[in-house]
């Protein structure tokens, strides 16, 4: 299967697939003319990567997860550790976003949004004691 068909099959842009090949996540075969030739195993790996990236795992985490997927002697604890670390990172980011939301909501509420030049949002952004 050529790269455009593989891209359509697994829902990834061809550019992303080329990148995954460049960094060694997938290694499709080559035809006599030098074109990439994706088999079912390659497509399965690409779908695995697409789902992993969709869940927000880093490329390096995806590399490790793919390696663990291919290792039938893996310990599920290793997979869980990676997923737990990622979940902890997501929880931290959510807490940061909620804090930003609270601050910005307060500032928007304080701003009259009229024709006057005074604006609590601008004043807060200009403060030096953050």
Protein backbone atom coordinates (compact mmCIF):
# COMPACT_ATOMS: atom_id res chain seq x y z
CA UNK A 1 0.00 0.00 0.00
CA UNK A 2 1.37 3.44 -0.86
CA UNK A 3 1.62 6.32 1.58
CA UNK A 4 -1.53 8.13 0.47
CA UNK A 5 -3.59 4.98 0.89
CA UNK A 6 -1.96 4.33 4.27
CA UNK A 7 -2.70 7.90 5.32
CA UNK A 8 -6.35 7.54 4.38
CA UNK A 9 -6.61 4.14 6.09
CA UNK A 10 -5.14 5.23 9.44
CA UNK A 11 -6.32 8.85 9.55
CA UNK A 12 -2.89 10.47 9.61
CA UNK A 13 -1.48 13.00 7.15
CA UNK A 14 1.20 11.61 4.84
CA UNK A 15 3.59 14.22 6.26
CA UNK A 16 3.13 12.77 9.74
CA UNK A 17 3.71 9.25 8.46
CA UNK A 18 6.94 10.37 6.78
CA UNK A 19 8.00 11.98 10.06
CA UNK A 20 7.27 8.78 11.98
CA UNK A 21 9.40 6.91 9.47
CA UNK A 22 12.19 9.52 9.72
CA UNK A 23 12.39 9.11 13.50
CA UNK A 24 12.18 5.32 13.31
CA UNK A 25 8.69 4.65 14.68
CA UNK A 26 7.66 2.81 11.52
CA UNK A 27 9.81 1.17 8.89
CA UNK A 28 7.80 0.36 5.79
CA UNK A 29 9.23 -1.78 3.06
CA UNK A 30 10.24 -0.34 -0.27
CA UNK A 31 9.12 -1.32 -3.72
CA UNK A 32 11.57 -1.81 -6.56
CA UNK A 33 10.91 1.79 -7.65
CA UNK A 34 11.85 3.04 -4.15
CA UNK A 35 8.32 3.96 -3.08
CA UNK A 36 7.18 3.08 0.41
CA UNK A 37 5.09 -0.06 0.73
CA UNK A 38 2.96 -0.24 3.89
CA UNK A 39 1.71 -3.64 4.99
CA UNK A 40 -1.01 -4.46 7.53
CA UNK A 41 1.48 -4.49 10.41
CA UNK A 42 2.69 -1.00 9.46
CA UNK A 43 -0.91 0.23 9.32
CA UNK A 44 -1.61 -1.26 12.73
CA UNK A 45 1.41 0.59 14.16
CA UNK A 46 0.26 3.83 12.53
CA UNK A 47 -3.22 3.44 14.02
CA UNK A 48 -1.61 2.70 17.40
CA UNK A 49 0.46 5.89 17.09
CA UNK A 50 -2.53 7.92 15.94
CA UNK A 51 -4.55 6.81 18.98
CA UNK A 52 -1.61 7.33 21.37
CA UNK A 53 -0.91 10.82 20.06
CA UNK A 54 -4.64 11.54 20.17
CA UNK A 55 -4.52 10.82 23.90
CA UNK A 56 -1.70 13.33 24.19
CA UNK A 57 1.25 11.01 24.70
CA UNK A 58 4.57 12.50 23.63
CA UNK A 59 6.44 11.03 20.68
CA UNK A 60 8.95 9.48 23.08
CA UNK A 61 6.16 7.99 25.19
CA UNK A 62 4.67 6.61 21.97
CA UNK A 63 8.04 5.08 21.10
CA UNK A 64 8.15 3.38 24.50
CA UNK A 65 4.52 2.27 24.33
CA UNK A 66 5.02 0.85 20.85
CA UNK A 67 8.09 -1.02 22.08
CA UNK A 68 6.09 -2.40 25.00
CA UNK A 69 3.24 -3.33 22.67
CA UNK A 70 5.63 -5.36 20.57
CA UNK A 71 7.19 -7.02 23.65
CA UNK A 72 4.95 -9.95 24.56
CA UNK A 73 6.96 -10.42 27.78
CA UNK A 74 6.22 -6.87 28.94
CA UNK A 75 4.98 -6.10 32.41
CA UNK A 76 1.71 -4.20 32.41
CA UNK A 77 3.18 -2.17 35.29
CA UNK A 78 5.56 -0.58 32.79
CA UNK A 79 2.67 0.50 30.58
CA UNK A 80 0.68 1.70 33.58
CA UNK A 81 3.61 3.78 34.82
CA UNK A 82 3.80 5.67 31.53
CA UNK A 83 0.03 6.21 31.44
CA UNK A 84 -0.05 7.29 35.10
CA UNK A 85 2.75 9.82 34.58
CA UNK A 86 0.87 11.22 31.58
CA UNK A 87 -2.37 11.38 33.59
CA UNK A 88 -0.57 13.23 36.39
CA UNK A 89 0.73 15.72 33.83
CA UNK A 90 -2.79 16.21 32.43
CA UNK A 91 -4.15 16.77 35.96
CA UNK A 92 -1.45 19.39 36.58
CA UNK A 93 -2.27 21.18 33.32
CA UNK A 94 -6.00 21.14 34.13
CA UNK A 95 -5.30 22.71 37.52
CA UNK A 96 -3.20 25.40 35.86
CA UNK A 97 -5.93 26.09 33.30
CA UNK A 98 -8.59 26.30 36.02
CA UNK A 99 -6.45 28.83 37.88
CA UNK A 100 -6.05 30.87 34.69
CA UNK A 101 -9.77 30.63 34.07
CA UNK A 102 -10.60 31.90 37.56
CA UNK A 103 -8.19 34.82 37.25
CA UNK A 104 -9.35 35.80 33.78
CA UNK A 105 -13.02 35.43 34.69
CA UNK A 106 -12.46 37.79 37.63
CA UNK A 107 -10.68 40.33 35.42
CA UNK A 108 -13.37 40.19 32.73
CA UNK A 109 -16.03 40.68 35.40
CA UNK A 110 -14.15 43.72 36.78
CA UNK A 111 -13.85 45.38 33.37
CA UNK A 112 -16.77 47.61 32.44
CA UNK A 113 -16.13 47.22 28.73
CA UNK A 114 -17.21 50.78 27.99
CA UNK A 115 -15.64 53.78 26.24
CA UNK A 116 -13.51 54.78 29.22
CA UNK A 117 -9.77 54.11 29.07
CA UNK A 118 -9.45 52.55 32.54
CA UNK A 119 -9.39 48.78 32.30
CA UNK A 120 -8.65 46.31 35.12
CA UNK A 121 -7.44 43.74 32.59
CA UNK A 122 -4.76 46.07 31.19
CA UNK A 123 -3.84 47.22 34.69
CA UNK A 124 -3.38 43.62 35.85
CA UNK A 125 -1.30 42.70 32.80
CA UNK A 126 0.93 45.74 33.39
CA UNK A 127 1.53 44.97 37.07
CA UNK A 128 5.12 44.14 37.92
CA UNK A 129 4.43 42.15 41.09
CA UNK A 130 3.19 38.94 39.39
